[in-house]
Protein backbone atom coordinates (compact mmCIF):
# COMPACT_ATOMS: atom_id res chain seq x y z
CA UNK A 1 0.00 0.00 0.00
CA UNK A 2 1.50 3.34 -1.00
CA UNK A 3 -0.98 5.42 1.03
CA UNK A 4 0.80 6.74 4.13
CA UNK A 5 -0.82 5.58 7.34
CA UNK A 6 -3.46 8.03 8.43
CA UNK A 7 -4.82 8.22 12.01
CA UNK A 8 -8.18 6.91 10.77
CA UNK A 9 -6.51 3.90 9.19
CA UNK A 10 -4.57 3.26 12.40
CA UNK A 11 -7.85 3.45 14.35
CA UNK A 12 -9.78 1.00 12.17
CA UNK A 13 -6.90 -1.41 11.48
CA UNK A 14 -7.92 -3.93 14.20
CA UNK A 15 -11.44 -4.12 12.74
CA UNK A 16 -10.12 -4.50 9.20
CA UNK A 17 -7.76 -7.27 10.29
CA UNK A 18 -10.54 -9.06 12.17
CA UNK A 19 -12.82 -9.21 9.13
CA UNK A 20 -10.08 -9.83 6.59
CA UNK A 21 -10.50 -6.47 4.86
CA UNK A 22 -7.66 -4.41 3.46
CA UNK A 23 -6.94 -0.76 2.78
CA UNK A 24 -6.52 0.28 -0.84
CA UNK A 25 -5.34 3.55 -2.37
CA UNK A 26 -8.13 5.78 -3.59
CA UNK A 27 -6.68 5.57 -7.10
CA UNK A 28 -7.11 1.78 -7.01
CA UNK A 29 -10.56 1.78 -5.37
CA UNK A 30 -13.51 0.22 -7.14
CA UNK A 31 -17.19 1.04 -6.79
CA UNK A 32 -17.56 -1.88 -4.37
CA UNK A 33 -14.91 -0.50 -2.00
CA UNK A 34 -15.86 1.59 1.04
CA UNK A 35 -14.38 5.06 1.18
CA UNK A 36 -12.82 6.17 4.46
CA UNK A 37 -13.41 9.86 5.09
CA UNK A 38 -11.74 12.18 7.59
CA UNK A 39 -12.93 15.76 8.07
CA UNK A 40 -14.89 15.52 4.83
CA UNK A 41 -11.97 14.21 2.74
CA UNK A 42 -11.42 10.69 1.43
CA UNK A 43 -8.16 9.26 2.76
CA UNK A 44 -8.33 5.65 1.55
CA UNK A 45 -10.77 2.88 0.74
CA UNK A 46 -11.52 -0.47 2.33
CA UNK A 47 -11.86 -3.61 0.25
CA UNK A 48 -13.89 -6.30 1.95
CA UNK A 49 -12.87 -9.92 1.46
CA UNK A 50 -14.97 -12.20 -0.72
CA UNK A 51 -17.71 -14.13 1.07
CA UNK A 52 -15.91 -17.33 0.11
CA UNK A 53 -13.78 -18.22 3.10
CA UNK A 54 -15.79 -16.10 5.53
CA UNK A 55 -16.58 -19.02 7.82
CA UNK A 56 -12.92 -20.05 7.91
CA UNK A 57 -11.97 -16.50 8.91
CA UNK A 58 -14.63 -16.47 11.64
CA UNK A 59 -13.40 -19.81 12.98
CA UNK A 60 -9.78 -18.60 13.00
CA UNK A 61 -10.82 -15.49 14.95
CA UNK A 62 -12.73 -17.54 17.51
CA UNK A 63 -9.81 -19.95 17.89
CA UNK A 64 -7.49 -17.00 18.54
CA UNK A 65 -9.90 -15.58 21.13
CA UNK A 66 -10.34 -18.88 22.92
CA UNK A 67 -6.66 -19.75 22.75
CA UNK A 68 -6.72 -23.03 20.87
CA UNK A 69 -7.88 -25.06 17.92
CA UNK A 70 -11.58 -25.88 18.15
CA UNK A 71 -11.22 -29.67 18.46
CA UNK A 72 -8.90 -29.31 21.45
CA UNK A 73 -11.24 -27.06 23.45
CA UNK A 74 -13.23 -28.19 26.46
CA UNK A 75 -16.97 -28.78 26.06
CA UNK A 76 -17.70 -25.41 27.68
CA UNK A 77 -15.32 -23.62 25.34
CA UNK A 78 -16.82 -25.40 22.34
CA UNK A 79 -20.19 -24.06 23.48
CA UNK A 80 -18.64 -20.59 23.78
CA UNK A 81 -17.19 -20.98 20.27
CA UNK A 82 -20.63 -21.79 18.86
CA UNK A 83 -22.09 -18.81 20.74
CA UNK A 84 -19.41 -16.48 19.34
CA UNK A 85 -19.88 -17.82 15.81
CA UNK A 86 -23.64 -17.41 16.15
CA UNK A 87 -23.28 -13.83 17.40
CA UNK A 88 -21.11 -13.06 14.36
CA UNK A 89 -23.62 -14.46 11.89
CA UNK A 90 -21.72 -17.60 10.92
CA UNK A 91 -24.81 -19.76 10.78
CA UNK A 92 -26.48 -17.75 8.04
CA UNK A 93 -23.90 -19.20 5.66
CA UNK A 94 -24.81 -22.30 3.69
CA UNK A 95 -23.54 -25.55 5.28
CA UNK A 96 -22.23 -23.65 8.31
CA UNK A 97 -23.57 -26.12 10.88
CA UNK A 98 -21.90 -29.02 9.08
CA UNK A 99 -18.63 -27.12 8.64
CA UNK A 100 -18.57 -25.95 12.26
CA UNK A 101 -19.32 -29.50 13.43
CA UNK A 102 -16.38 -30.74 11.36
CA UNK A 103 -14.13 -28.00 12.77
CA UNK A 104 -15.18 -28.85 16.34
CA UNK A 105 -14.98 -32.60 15.63
CA UNK A 106 -18.50 -33.09 16.96
CA UNK A 107 -21.76 -34.12 15.29
CA UNK A 108 -24.19 -31.74 13.61
CA UNK A 109 -26.70 -32.68 16.30
CA UNK A 110 -24.28 -31.42 18.95
CA UNK A 111 -23.96 -28.06 17.19
CA UNK A 112 -27.76 -27.85 16.87
CA UNK A 113 -28.07 -28.66 20.59
CA UNK A 114 -25.60 -25.86 21.44
CA UNK A 115 -27.54 -23.45 19.22
CA UNK A 116 -30.87 -24.48 20.75
CA UNK A 117 -29.45 -23.87 24.25
CA UNK A 118 -28.26 -20.40 23.16
CA UNK A 119 -31.64 -19.43 21.71
CA UNK A 120 -33.79 -20.65 24.62
């Protein structure tokens, strides 16, 4: 990136990193990019990642937060992982329950049970 770091970019960097987005120069921005404005002036743009791979990115973030790979977590932490993924919208993605069950090394029924307990 040739855009010098701006205070706004420094401020939003943790959010961008968490969602897998990246900063692009205004000259390279497309219509789909999100313009970052500071005091009424565009300073850069944000390019969101493609939806493909979104669940993997969410799982990686949850693993980092919980301090371990999903299959190695305790039952309680696996339940927390499902709660965090649910809060972040992971289960609106097609096949998410199956993919999360595979990542946790549990059955789909177990994931559905965790989700049912969350939504009671």
